[in-house]
N, C-alpha and C. Protein backbone atom coordinates (compact mmCIF):
# COMPACT_ATOMS: atom_id res chain seq x y z
N MET A 1 71.69 54.41 150.80
CA MET A 1 71.69 55.42 149.75
C MET A 1 72.34 54.88 148.49
N VAL A 2 72.00 53.69 148.14
CA VAL A 2 72.58 53.06 146.96
C VAL A 2 72.12 53.79 145.73
N GLY A 3 73.07 54.07 144.81
CA GLY A 3 72.74 54.73 143.57
C GLY A 3 72.81 56.23 143.63
N LEU A 4 73.00 56.80 144.83
CA LEU A 4 73.10 58.24 144.96
C LEU A 4 74.56 58.63 145.07
N ARG A 5 74.92 59.76 144.44
CA ARG A 5 76.30 60.22 144.51
C ARG A 5 76.59 60.97 145.80
N TRP A 6 75.53 61.42 146.50
CA TRP A 6 75.73 62.18 147.72
C TRP A 6 76.28 61.30 148.82
N ARG A 7 77.27 61.78 149.53
CA ARG A 7 77.81 61.08 150.70
C ARG A 7 77.96 62.08 151.83
N PRO A 8 77.74 61.67 153.07
CA PRO A 8 77.96 62.59 154.19
C PRO A 8 79.39 63.11 154.18
N GLY A 9 79.55 64.39 154.38
CA GLY A 9 80.89 64.97 154.39
C GLY A 9 80.83 66.45 154.08
N ILE A 10 81.99 67.04 153.80
CA ILE A 10 82.08 68.46 153.49
C ILE A 10 81.70 68.67 152.03
N GLY A 11 80.65 69.46 151.81
CA GLY A 11 80.14 69.64 150.46
C GLY A 11 80.92 70.65 149.63
N ASP A 12 81.50 71.67 150.29
CA ASP A 12 82.21 72.72 149.54
C ASP A 12 83.46 73.12 150.32
N PRO A 13 84.54 72.32 150.22
CA PRO A 13 85.75 72.58 151.01
C PRO A 13 86.65 73.66 150.42
N THR A 14 86.07 74.59 149.65
CA THR A 14 86.86 75.65 149.03
C THR A 14 86.94 76.86 149.96
N LEU A 15 87.80 77.81 149.59
CA LEU A 15 87.92 79.04 150.37
C LEU A 15 86.60 79.79 150.42
N VAL A 16 85.93 79.89 149.27
CA VAL A 16 84.65 80.59 149.22
C VAL A 16 83.60 79.86 150.05
N GLY A 17 83.62 78.52 149.99
CA GLY A 17 82.68 77.73 150.77
C GLY A 17 82.82 77.98 152.26
N TRP A 18 84.06 77.94 152.75
CA TRP A 18 84.29 78.18 154.18
C TRP A 18 84.03 79.63 154.55
N LEU A 19 84.31 80.56 153.64
CA LEU A 19 83.99 81.96 153.88
C LEU A 19 82.49 82.15 154.05
N THR A 20 81.72 81.45 153.22
CA THR A 20 80.26 81.54 153.32
C THR A 20 79.77 80.95 154.63
N VAL A 21 80.34 79.82 155.03
CA VAL A 21 79.96 79.21 156.31
C VAL A 21 80.29 80.17 157.46
N ALA A 22 81.47 80.79 157.41
CA ALA A 22 81.85 81.75 158.45
C ALA A 22 80.86 82.91 158.50
N ALA A 23 80.42 83.36 157.32
CA ALA A 23 79.44 84.45 157.26
C ALA A 23 78.11 84.02 157.89
N TYR A 24 77.69 82.77 157.64
CA TYR A 24 76.48 82.25 158.28
C TYR A 24 76.63 82.22 159.80
N VAL A 25 77.80 81.81 160.28
CA VAL A 25 78.04 81.75 161.73
C VAL A 25 77.95 83.15 162.34
N ILE A 26 78.56 84.13 161.67
CA ILE A 26 78.51 85.51 162.16
C ILE A 26 77.07 86.01 162.16
N ALA A 27 76.35 85.75 161.08
CA ALA A 27 74.96 86.20 161.00
C ALA A 27 74.11 85.56 162.08
N ALA A 28 74.30 84.25 162.31
CA ALA A 28 73.53 83.57 163.35
C ALA A 28 73.87 84.12 164.73
N SER A 29 75.14 84.43 164.97
CA SER A 29 75.55 84.95 166.28
C SER A 29 74.95 86.33 166.53
N ILE A 30 75.00 87.20 165.52
CA ILE A 30 74.46 88.55 165.69
C ILE A 30 72.94 88.51 165.81
N ALA A 31 72.29 87.63 165.06
CA ALA A 31 70.84 87.49 165.17
C ALA A 31 70.46 86.97 166.56
N ALA A 32 71.25 86.03 167.10
CA ALA A 32 70.99 85.53 168.45
C ALA A 32 71.19 86.64 169.48
N TRP A 33 72.20 87.47 169.27
CA TRP A 33 72.42 88.63 170.15
C TRP A 33 71.22 89.58 170.08
N SER A 34 70.69 89.80 168.88
CA SER A 34 69.52 90.66 168.71
C SER A 34 68.30 90.04 169.39
N PHE A 35 68.16 88.74 169.29
CA PHE A 35 67.07 88.04 169.99
C PHE A 35 67.16 88.29 171.50
N ALA A 36 68.37 88.17 172.05
CA ALA A 36 68.55 88.40 173.48
C ALA A 36 68.26 89.85 173.85
N THR A 37 68.66 90.79 173.00
CA THR A 37 68.40 92.20 173.25
C THR A 37 66.90 92.48 173.28
N ALA A 38 66.17 91.94 172.29
CA ALA A 38 64.71 92.13 172.24
C ALA A 38 64.03 91.47 173.43
N ARG A 39 64.54 90.34 173.85
CA ARG A 39 63.94 89.65 175.01
C ARG A 39 64.13 90.46 176.28
N ARG A 40 65.32 91.02 176.47
CA ARG A 40 65.55 91.86 177.65
C ARG A 40 64.67 93.11 177.62
N ALA A 41 64.56 93.72 176.44
CA ALA A 41 63.72 94.91 176.32
C ALA A 41 62.25 94.58 176.57
N GLU A 42 61.81 93.42 176.10
CA GLU A 42 60.43 93.00 176.34
C GLU A 42 60.16 92.90 177.84
N LEU A 43 61.06 92.29 178.56
CA LEU A 43 60.89 92.16 180.00
C LEU A 43 60.94 93.52 180.69
N ARG A 44 61.82 94.39 180.24
CA ARG A 44 61.97 95.69 180.88
C ARG A 44 60.75 96.56 180.67
N PHE A 45 60.11 96.46 179.50
CA PHE A 45 58.96 97.30 179.20
C PHE A 45 57.63 96.63 179.55
N SER A 46 57.66 95.41 180.06
CA SER A 46 56.43 94.64 180.26
C SER A 46 55.45 95.33 181.20
N VAL A 47 55.96 96.09 182.16
CA VAL A 47 55.09 96.77 183.12
C VAL A 47 54.88 98.23 182.74
N SER A 48 55.96 98.93 182.42
CA SER A 48 55.86 100.37 182.17
C SER A 48 55.23 100.70 180.82
N GLU A 49 55.54 99.92 179.76
CA GLU A 49 55.03 100.20 178.42
C GLU A 49 54.63 98.90 177.73
N PRO A 50 53.42 98.41 177.98
CA PRO A 50 52.98 97.12 177.39
C PRO A 50 53.02 97.12 175.87
N GLY A 51 52.74 98.27 175.24
CA GLY A 51 52.76 98.32 173.77
C GLY A 51 54.15 98.08 173.22
N GLU A 52 55.15 98.74 173.82
CA GLU A 52 56.53 98.52 173.38
C GLU A 52 56.99 97.11 173.69
N ALA A 53 56.52 96.56 174.81
CA ALA A 53 56.87 95.17 175.14
C ALA A 53 56.33 94.22 174.08
N ARG A 54 55.12 94.50 173.58
CA ARG A 54 54.54 93.67 172.51
C ARG A 54 55.36 93.80 171.23
N ASP A 55 55.80 95.02 170.93
CA ASP A 55 56.63 95.22 169.75
C ASP A 55 57.96 94.47 169.87
N GLN A 56 58.57 94.52 171.03
CA GLN A 56 59.83 93.81 171.24
C GLN A 56 59.63 92.30 171.14
N ARG A 57 58.47 91.82 171.57
CA ARG A 57 58.18 90.38 171.45
C ARG A 57 58.11 89.98 169.98
N SER A 58 57.48 90.81 169.16
CA SER A 58 57.40 90.51 167.72
C SER A 58 58.80 90.47 167.10
N MET A 59 59.64 91.45 167.46
CA MET A 59 61.00 91.47 166.91
C MET A 59 61.83 90.32 167.45
N LYS A 60 61.57 89.94 168.69
CA LYS A 60 62.27 88.79 169.26
C LYS A 60 61.99 87.53 168.45
N HIS A 61 60.74 87.33 168.08
CA HIS A 61 60.39 86.16 167.28
C HIS A 61 61.05 86.20 165.91
N LEU A 62 61.13 87.39 165.31
CA LEU A 62 61.80 87.52 164.02
C LEU A 62 63.27 87.15 164.13
N TRP A 63 63.95 87.66 165.13
CA TRP A 63 65.38 87.36 165.28
C TRP A 63 65.62 85.89 165.60
N LEU A 64 64.68 85.27 166.30
CA LEU A 64 64.81 83.83 166.53
C LEU A 64 64.68 83.07 165.22
N LEU A 65 63.71 83.47 164.39
CA LEU A 65 63.53 82.84 163.07
C LEU A 65 64.79 83.00 162.23
N ILE A 66 65.38 84.19 162.24
CA ILE A 66 66.59 84.43 161.45
C ILE A 66 67.75 83.61 161.99
N THR A 67 67.88 83.53 163.31
CA THR A 67 68.96 82.74 163.91
C THR A 67 68.88 81.27 163.48
N VAL A 68 67.70 80.69 163.60
CA VAL A 68 67.52 79.27 163.23
C VAL A 68 67.78 79.08 161.74
N THR A 69 67.29 80.00 160.92
CA THR A 69 67.49 79.90 159.47
C THR A 69 68.96 79.97 159.10
N MET A 70 69.71 80.89 159.73
CA MET A 70 71.14 81.01 159.44
C MET A 70 71.89 79.74 159.85
N VAL A 71 71.52 79.16 160.98
CA VAL A 71 72.18 77.92 161.42
C VAL A 71 71.90 76.79 160.42
N LEU A 72 70.64 76.64 160.02
CA LEU A 72 70.28 75.57 159.09
C LEU A 72 70.94 75.75 157.72
N LEU A 73 70.95 76.98 157.22
CA LEU A 73 71.58 77.22 155.92
C LEU A 73 73.09 77.04 155.99
N GLY A 74 73.69 77.41 157.13
CA GLY A 74 75.13 77.19 157.30
C GLY A 74 75.48 75.72 157.32
N LEU A 75 74.68 74.92 158.02
CA LEU A 75 74.91 73.47 158.03
C LEU A 75 74.71 72.89 156.64
N ASN A 76 73.65 73.33 155.97
CA ASN A 76 73.37 72.81 154.63
C ASN A 76 74.48 73.18 153.64
N LYS A 77 75.12 74.32 153.87
CA LYS A 77 76.17 74.76 152.95
C LYS A 77 77.28 73.73 152.83
N GLN A 78 77.63 73.09 153.94
CA GLN A 78 78.71 72.11 153.87
C GLN A 78 78.21 70.67 153.83
N LEU A 79 77.04 70.41 154.36
CA LEU A 79 76.49 69.05 154.25
C LEU A 79 75.89 68.81 152.86
N ASP A 80 75.54 69.93 152.15
CA ASP A 80 75.05 69.84 150.78
C ASP A 80 73.81 68.95 150.69
N LEU A 81 72.86 69.19 151.59
CA LEU A 81 71.67 68.35 151.65
C LEU A 81 70.77 68.53 150.43
N GLN A 82 70.85 69.70 149.78
CA GLN A 82 70.01 69.87 148.59
C GLN A 82 70.41 68.93 147.48
N THR A 83 71.71 68.52 147.45
CA THR A 83 72.14 67.55 146.44
C THR A 83 71.47 66.20 146.68
N LEU A 84 71.37 65.81 147.95
CA LEU A 84 70.66 64.57 148.28
C LEU A 84 69.20 64.66 147.85
N LEU A 85 68.57 65.81 148.10
CA LEU A 85 67.18 65.99 147.71
C LEU A 85 67.03 65.91 146.19
N ILE A 86 67.90 66.61 145.46
CA ILE A 86 67.82 66.64 144.01
C ILE A 86 68.01 65.23 143.43
N GLN A 87 68.99 64.51 143.94
CA GLN A 87 69.26 63.17 143.42
C GLN A 87 68.13 62.20 143.75
N THR A 88 67.52 62.37 144.91
CA THR A 88 66.38 61.52 145.28
C THR A 88 65.20 61.78 144.34
N VAL A 89 64.91 63.06 144.09
CA VAL A 89 63.82 63.41 143.18
C VAL A 89 64.13 62.91 141.77
N ARG A 90 65.40 63.03 141.35
CA ARG A 90 65.79 62.58 140.02
C ARG A 90 65.56 61.08 139.85
N GLU A 91 65.90 60.32 140.87
CA GLU A 91 65.68 58.87 140.79
C GLU A 91 64.20 58.54 140.72
N ARG A 92 63.39 59.28 141.50
CA ARG A 92 61.94 59.07 141.43
C ARG A 92 61.42 59.42 140.03
N ALA A 93 61.98 60.47 139.44
CA ALA A 93 61.56 60.86 138.09
C ALA A 93 61.88 59.76 137.09
N TYR A 94 63.05 59.16 137.21
CA TYR A 94 63.40 58.04 136.33
C TYR A 94 62.43 56.88 136.53
N GLU A 95 62.16 56.55 137.78
CA GLU A 95 61.32 55.39 138.09
C GLU A 95 59.90 55.57 137.57
N HIS A 96 59.38 56.80 137.65
CA HIS A 96 57.98 57.04 137.29
C HIS A 96 57.82 57.60 135.88
N GLY A 97 58.93 57.75 135.14
CA GLY A 97 58.85 58.07 133.73
C GLY A 97 58.59 59.53 133.38
N TRP A 98 58.80 60.46 134.31
CA TRP A 98 58.58 61.86 133.95
C TRP A 98 59.87 62.68 133.96
N TYR A 99 61.01 61.98 133.87
CA TYR A 99 62.29 62.71 133.88
C TYR A 99 62.45 63.57 132.63
N ASN A 100 62.00 63.06 131.46
CA ASN A 100 62.16 63.83 130.22
C ASN A 100 61.36 65.13 130.23
N ASP A 101 60.37 65.19 131.11
CA ASP A 101 59.53 66.40 131.21
C ASP A 101 59.92 67.23 132.44
N ARG A 102 61.16 67.02 132.91
CA ARG A 102 61.57 67.63 134.17
C ARG A 102 61.62 69.16 134.12
N ARG A 103 61.90 69.73 132.91
CA ARG A 103 62.01 71.18 132.81
C ARG A 103 60.70 71.86 133.22
N ARG A 104 59.60 71.28 132.80
CA ARG A 104 58.31 71.87 133.16
C ARG A 104 58.10 71.82 134.67
N TYR A 105 58.49 70.70 135.28
CA TYR A 105 58.34 70.59 136.73
C TYR A 105 59.27 71.57 137.47
N GLN A 106 60.45 71.79 136.90
CA GLN A 106 61.36 72.74 137.52
C GLN A 106 60.81 74.16 137.44
N VAL A 107 60.21 74.50 136.29
CA VAL A 107 59.59 75.81 136.16
C VAL A 107 58.45 75.94 137.17
N ASP A 108 57.63 74.89 137.28
CA ASP A 108 56.53 74.91 138.25
C ASP A 108 57.06 75.08 139.67
N PHE A 109 58.18 74.41 139.96
CA PHE A 109 58.76 74.50 141.29
C PHE A 109 59.19 75.94 141.60
N ILE A 110 59.84 76.58 140.63
CA ILE A 110 60.30 77.96 140.84
C ILE A 110 59.11 78.89 141.00
N LEU A 111 58.05 78.68 140.22
CA LEU A 111 56.87 79.52 140.35
C LEU A 111 56.21 79.33 141.70
N ILE A 112 56.15 78.07 142.16
CA ILE A 112 55.55 77.80 143.47
C ILE A 112 56.38 78.44 144.58
N ILE A 113 57.70 78.30 144.48
CA ILE A 113 58.59 78.90 145.49
C ILE A 113 58.43 80.42 145.50
N SER A 114 58.35 81.02 144.31
CA SER A 114 58.20 82.47 144.24
C SER A 114 56.87 82.92 144.83
N ALA A 115 55.80 82.19 144.51
CA ALA A 115 54.49 82.54 145.06
C ALA A 115 54.46 82.36 146.57
N ALA A 116 55.06 81.25 147.04
CA ALA A 116 55.10 81.01 148.48
C ALA A 116 55.90 82.09 149.19
N ALA A 117 56.99 82.53 148.56
CA ALA A 117 57.81 83.60 149.16
C ALA A 117 57.02 84.89 149.26
N VAL A 118 56.23 85.20 148.22
CA VAL A 118 55.41 86.42 148.26
C VAL A 118 54.39 86.35 149.38
N PHE A 119 53.68 85.22 149.48
CA PHE A 119 52.67 85.07 150.52
C PHE A 119 53.29 85.07 151.92
N PHE A 120 54.44 84.41 152.04
CA PHE A 120 55.12 84.40 153.33
C PHE A 120 55.57 85.81 153.70
N GLY A 121 56.11 86.53 152.71
CA GLY A 121 56.55 87.90 152.96
C GLY A 121 55.40 88.79 153.39
N ILE A 122 54.24 88.64 152.72
CA ILE A 122 53.07 89.43 153.10
C ILE A 122 52.62 89.08 154.51
N GLY A 123 52.57 87.77 154.81
CA GLY A 123 52.16 87.34 156.14
C GLY A 123 53.10 87.83 157.22
N LEU A 124 54.41 87.74 156.94
CA LEU A 124 55.39 88.20 157.92
C LEU A 124 55.31 89.71 158.10
N SER A 125 55.09 90.43 157.01
CA SER A 125 54.96 91.89 157.10
C SER A 125 53.73 92.29 157.91
N LEU A 126 52.62 91.56 157.72
CA LEU A 126 51.43 91.84 158.50
C LEU A 126 51.66 91.54 159.98
N ARG A 127 52.37 90.43 160.22
CA ARG A 127 52.67 90.07 161.61
C ARG A 127 53.55 91.12 162.28
N LEU A 128 54.43 91.74 161.50
CA LEU A 128 55.37 92.72 162.03
C LEU A 128 54.97 94.15 161.68
N ARG A 129 53.71 94.38 161.31
CA ARG A 129 53.31 95.68 160.78
C ARG A 129 53.60 96.82 161.75
N ARG A 130 53.52 96.57 163.05
CA ARG A 130 53.77 97.64 164.01
C ARG A 130 55.25 98.03 164.06
N VAL A 131 56.12 97.10 163.71
CA VAL A 131 57.57 97.36 163.84
C VAL A 131 58.30 97.17 162.52
N LEU A 132 57.55 97.09 161.41
CA LEU A 132 58.17 96.70 160.14
C LEU A 132 59.27 97.67 159.73
N ARG A 133 59.05 98.95 159.95
CA ARG A 133 60.07 99.92 159.53
C ARG A 133 61.37 99.75 160.32
N ARG A 134 61.29 99.11 161.49
CA ARG A 134 62.49 98.90 162.30
C ARG A 134 63.26 97.66 161.90
N VAL A 135 62.61 96.76 161.15
CA VAL A 135 63.27 95.49 160.79
C VAL A 135 63.13 95.18 159.30
N ILE A 136 62.73 96.16 158.48
CA ILE A 136 62.43 95.89 157.07
C ILE A 136 63.65 95.35 156.33
N VAL A 137 64.84 95.85 156.65
CA VAL A 137 66.04 95.39 155.95
C VAL A 137 66.33 93.92 156.28
N ALA A 138 66.14 93.56 157.55
CA ALA A 138 66.36 92.16 157.96
C ALA A 138 65.37 91.23 157.27
N VAL A 139 64.11 91.65 157.18
CA VAL A 139 63.09 90.84 156.50
C VAL A 139 63.44 90.67 155.03
N ALA A 140 63.88 91.76 154.38
CA ALA A 140 64.26 91.69 152.97
C ALA A 140 65.46 90.76 152.76
N GLY A 141 66.46 90.86 153.62
CA GLY A 141 67.63 90.00 153.51
C GLY A 141 67.29 88.54 153.69
N LEU A 142 66.43 88.26 154.67
CA LEU A 142 66.01 86.87 154.91
C LEU A 142 65.27 86.32 153.70
N GLY A 143 64.33 87.10 153.17
CA GLY A 143 63.56 86.64 152.01
C GLY A 143 64.45 86.40 150.80
N MET A 144 65.35 87.33 150.54
CA MET A 144 66.26 87.20 149.39
C MET A 144 67.10 85.94 149.50
N LEU A 145 67.63 85.68 150.69
CA LEU A 145 68.54 84.55 150.87
C LEU A 145 67.81 83.22 150.75
N VAL A 146 66.65 83.11 151.39
CA VAL A 146 65.92 81.84 151.37
C VAL A 146 65.42 81.52 149.97
N VAL A 147 64.88 82.52 149.27
CA VAL A 147 64.40 82.28 147.90
C VAL A 147 65.55 81.87 146.99
N PHE A 148 66.70 82.53 147.13
CA PHE A 148 67.86 82.17 146.31
C PHE A 148 68.30 80.73 146.54
N VAL A 149 68.39 80.33 147.81
CA VAL A 149 68.83 78.97 148.13
C VAL A 149 67.85 77.94 147.57
N LEU A 150 66.56 78.21 147.69
CA LEU A 150 65.56 77.26 147.20
C LEU A 150 65.57 77.17 145.68
N ILE A 151 65.70 78.31 145.00
CA ILE A 151 65.75 78.28 143.53
C ILE A 151 67.02 77.58 143.06
N ARG A 152 68.13 77.83 143.74
CA ARG A 152 69.37 77.13 143.37
C ARG A 152 69.21 75.62 143.54
N ALA A 153 68.46 75.22 144.55
CA ALA A 153 68.25 73.79 144.80
C ALA A 153 67.39 73.13 143.73
N SER A 154 66.69 73.94 142.91
CA SER A 154 65.84 73.34 141.87
C SER A 154 66.67 72.71 140.77
N SER A 155 67.98 73.07 140.68
CA SER A 155 68.89 72.49 139.68
C SER A 155 68.38 72.74 138.27
N PHE A 156 67.85 73.92 138.02
CA PHE A 156 67.45 74.31 136.67
C PHE A 156 68.72 74.54 135.85
N HIS A 157 68.87 73.88 134.73
CA HIS A 157 70.16 73.81 134.06
C HIS A 157 70.70 75.19 133.69
N TYR A 158 69.90 76.02 133.01
CA TYR A 158 70.45 77.31 132.61
C TYR A 158 70.59 78.25 133.80
N VAL A 159 69.78 78.02 134.87
CA VAL A 159 70.00 78.77 136.11
C VAL A 159 71.34 78.38 136.72
N ASP A 160 71.63 77.07 136.73
CA ASP A 160 72.92 76.59 137.24
C ASP A 160 74.08 77.20 136.46
N ARG A 161 73.95 77.24 135.11
CA ARG A 161 75.02 77.81 134.29
C ARG A 161 75.23 79.29 134.58
N ALA A 162 74.13 80.02 134.73
CA ALA A 162 74.25 81.46 135.02
C ALA A 162 74.90 81.70 136.38
N LEU A 163 74.53 80.88 137.36
CA LEU A 163 75.06 81.07 138.71
C LEU A 163 76.49 80.60 138.83
N SER A 164 76.97 79.80 137.87
CA SER A 164 78.34 79.28 137.96
C SER A 164 79.35 80.21 137.29
N LEU A 165 78.90 81.33 136.72
CA LEU A 165 79.82 82.24 136.06
C LEU A 165 80.63 83.01 137.09
N GLY A 166 81.82 83.45 136.68
CA GLY A 166 82.60 84.34 137.53
C GLY A 166 83.80 83.73 138.17
N GLY A 167 84.20 82.52 137.80
CA GLY A 167 85.40 81.93 138.36
C GLY A 167 85.25 81.56 139.82
N ARG A 168 86.26 81.88 140.62
CA ARG A 168 86.25 81.48 142.02
C ARG A 168 85.07 82.11 142.76
N PHE A 169 84.91 83.44 142.58
CA PHE A 169 83.77 84.11 143.21
C PHE A 169 82.62 84.12 142.20
N ARG A 170 81.90 82.99 142.14
CA ARG A 170 80.83 82.83 141.17
C ARG A 170 79.64 83.70 141.56
N VAL A 171 78.72 83.85 140.60
CA VAL A 171 77.54 84.68 140.85
C VAL A 171 76.76 84.16 142.05
N ASN A 172 76.61 82.83 142.14
CA ASN A 172 75.84 82.29 143.27
C ASN A 172 76.50 82.62 144.61
N ALA A 173 77.83 82.58 144.66
CA ALA A 173 78.53 82.92 145.91
C ALA A 173 78.34 84.39 146.25
N LEU A 174 78.40 85.25 145.24
CA LEU A 174 78.23 86.68 145.47
C LEU A 174 76.81 86.99 145.96
N ILE A 175 75.81 86.35 145.36
CA ILE A 175 74.43 86.57 145.79
C ILE A 175 74.23 86.08 147.21
N GLU A 176 74.75 84.88 147.50
CA GLU A 176 74.57 84.31 148.85
C GLU A 176 75.26 85.17 149.90
N LEU A 177 76.51 85.57 149.63
CA LEU A 177 77.24 86.40 150.58
C LEU A 177 76.59 87.77 150.72
N SER A 178 76.02 88.30 149.64
CA SER A 178 75.32 89.58 149.73
C SER A 178 74.10 89.48 150.63
N GLY A 179 73.35 88.39 150.49
CA GLY A 179 72.18 88.20 151.35
C GLY A 179 72.56 88.07 152.82
N ILE A 180 73.62 87.31 153.08
CA ILE A 180 74.08 87.17 154.46
C ILE A 180 74.57 88.51 155.00
N GLY A 181 75.33 89.23 154.16
CA GLY A 181 75.83 90.54 154.57
C GLY A 181 74.70 91.51 154.87
N LEU A 182 73.61 91.43 154.10
CA LEU A 182 72.47 92.30 154.33
C LEU A 182 71.85 92.01 155.70
N ILE A 183 71.77 90.75 156.06
CA ILE A 183 71.22 90.39 157.38
C ILE A 183 72.15 90.86 158.49
N ILE A 184 73.46 90.67 158.32
CA ILE A 184 74.41 91.11 159.34
C ILE A 184 74.32 92.64 159.52
N GLY A 185 74.32 93.38 158.41
CA GLY A 185 74.22 94.83 158.49
C GLY A 185 72.92 95.27 159.14
N ALA A 186 71.80 94.60 158.78
CA ALA A 186 70.51 94.95 159.36
C ALA A 186 70.49 94.71 160.86
N ALA A 187 71.09 93.59 161.30
CA ALA A 187 71.12 93.28 162.73
C ALA A 187 71.95 94.29 163.50
N LEU A 188 73.10 94.66 162.95
CA LEU A 188 73.95 95.64 163.62
C LEU A 188 73.26 97.01 163.68
N GLN A 189 72.64 97.41 162.58
CA GLN A 189 71.92 98.68 162.57
C GLN A 189 70.77 98.66 163.56
N TRP A 190 70.07 97.55 163.64
CA TRP A 190 68.96 97.41 164.59
C TRP A 190 69.47 97.51 166.02
N GLN A 191 70.61 96.88 166.31
CA GLN A 191 71.18 96.95 167.65
C GLN A 191 71.45 98.40 168.05
N VAL A 192 72.06 99.16 167.17
CA VAL A 192 72.37 100.56 167.47
C VAL A 192 71.09 101.34 167.72
N ALA A 193 70.09 101.17 166.84
CA ALA A 193 68.84 101.91 166.97
C ALA A 193 68.10 101.53 168.24
N GLU A 194 68.06 100.24 168.56
CA GLU A 194 67.32 99.80 169.74
C GLU A 194 68.02 100.21 171.03
N GLN A 195 69.35 100.19 171.04
CA GLN A 195 70.07 100.64 172.23
C GLN A 195 69.82 102.13 172.45
N ARG A 196 69.77 102.90 171.37
CA ARG A 196 69.48 104.33 171.49
C ARG A 196 68.05 104.54 172.00
N LEU A 197 67.12 103.76 171.46
CA LEU A 197 65.74 103.87 171.91
C LEU A 197 65.62 103.54 173.40
N LEU A 198 66.27 102.46 173.80
CA LEU A 198 66.20 102.05 175.20
C LEU A 198 66.80 103.11 176.11
N ALA A 199 67.93 103.69 175.69
CA ALA A 199 68.57 104.73 176.50
C ALA A 199 67.65 105.94 176.63
N ASN A 200 66.99 106.33 175.53
CA ASN A 200 66.08 107.47 175.58
C ASN A 200 64.88 107.19 176.48
N ARG A 201 64.33 105.98 176.37
CA ARG A 201 63.17 105.64 177.20
C ARG A 201 63.56 105.62 178.68
N MET A 202 64.72 105.09 178.98
CA MET A 202 65.15 105.01 180.37
C MET A 202 65.42 106.40 180.94
N SER A 203 66.05 107.28 180.14
CA SER A 203 66.36 108.62 180.63
C SER A 203 65.09 109.44 180.84
N SER A 204 64.07 109.19 180.00
CA SER A 204 62.83 109.95 180.14
C SER A 204 62.02 109.54 181.35
N THR A 205 62.26 108.33 181.87
CA THR A 205 61.51 107.87 183.03
C THR A 205 62.26 108.07 184.33
N MET A 206 63.54 108.49 184.27
CA MET A 206 64.29 108.72 185.49
C MET A 206 63.88 110.04 186.12
N PRO A 207 63.73 110.08 187.46
CA PRO A 207 63.35 111.33 188.12
C PRO A 207 64.46 112.36 188.00
N ASN A 208 64.10 113.60 187.82
CA ASN A 208 65.07 114.69 187.70
C ASN A 208 65.16 115.39 189.06
N SER A 209 66.25 115.12 189.77
CA SER A 209 66.39 115.61 191.13
C SER A 209 66.48 117.13 191.16
N GLU A 210 66.94 117.74 190.03
CA GLU A 210 67.12 119.18 190.03
C GLU A 210 65.79 119.91 190.13
N PHE A 211 64.73 119.29 189.57
CA PHE A 211 63.43 119.95 189.56
C PHE A 211 62.44 119.27 190.50
N SER A 212 62.92 118.45 191.40
CA SER A 212 62.02 117.77 192.32
C SER A 212 61.50 118.76 193.35
N VAL A 213 60.25 118.56 193.74
CA VAL A 213 59.59 119.46 194.68
C VAL A 213 59.80 118.92 196.08
N PRO A 214 60.34 119.71 196.99
CA PRO A 214 60.57 119.22 198.35
C PRO A 214 59.26 118.96 199.04
N SER A 215 59.28 117.99 199.88
CA SER A 215 58.07 117.65 200.62
C SER A 215 57.78 118.72 201.65
N SER A 216 56.49 118.98 201.89
CA SER A 216 56.09 120.01 202.87
C SER A 216 56.36 119.53 204.28
N THR A 217 56.68 120.46 205.14
CA THR A 217 56.91 120.12 206.55
C THR A 217 55.99 120.92 207.43
N ASN A 218 55.64 120.35 208.54
CA ASN A 218 54.76 121.04 209.49
C ASN A 218 55.54 122.09 210.27
N VAL A 219 54.97 123.31 210.36
CA VAL A 219 55.62 124.38 211.10
C VAL A 219 55.08 124.42 212.52
C-alpha cells in the first residue's frame, strides 16, 4: 500500500466513534435475535399456517440482511475501509488524468447511489409486500443508514464540510446514530408485536376444556 495514508488500525478512537461501534453491536445483536424469533415462528407455523410461515421466512431473511449489514458497518467504522477505497480511487484519478474533473464524477456517484437505493428499496418492498407494514420502520432505517454511509464515502468536499459541523457530536455522527437507533427501535417494536401475535395464535388453537363435548358412552 505504498503511497496510501490508510493503515490497518483503529480508524476513529474517539468517544463518539466507540459509541457508534457499540450501537452497531447492539443493533446487530437485536437483529440476530429477531432473525432467531422469525426462524422459530416459521418452524412453528410450517404445518398449521403455511401462509404465516412464508411471511416469517420473508422477515427472517430481512433480519439476517440487517444483522450482516450492521456487523459490516460496525467493522468498517473502526477499520475505516472507505478511506482506503477513496485513496485508491484518488490515485487512479491522478494516474489517468481525470482528478481535476473529480467533482463531476462524485456527483455522478451520488446520483447512481441514490438511484440504486430507490430501486433496491422498491425491490425489497415488493419482496416483503405481504409483511411490509410489520417491518417498514426497519426497512426505512436500513435504507437511510446505508445510503448515508455510501454518500459519506464519496468524499464530496462540501458534503464533508456539512457533515463535520457540530463539534464532538458532528452532523454525520448524529445521522449515523439516528439510523442505528431507528433499526434498534424497529427491532424491539417488532419483537413485542410478533410475541403478541404468536401468543394470540397459540391461544386460539389451544382446546378449551370448559366447552369440550364429552364422548358418548354405550348404555
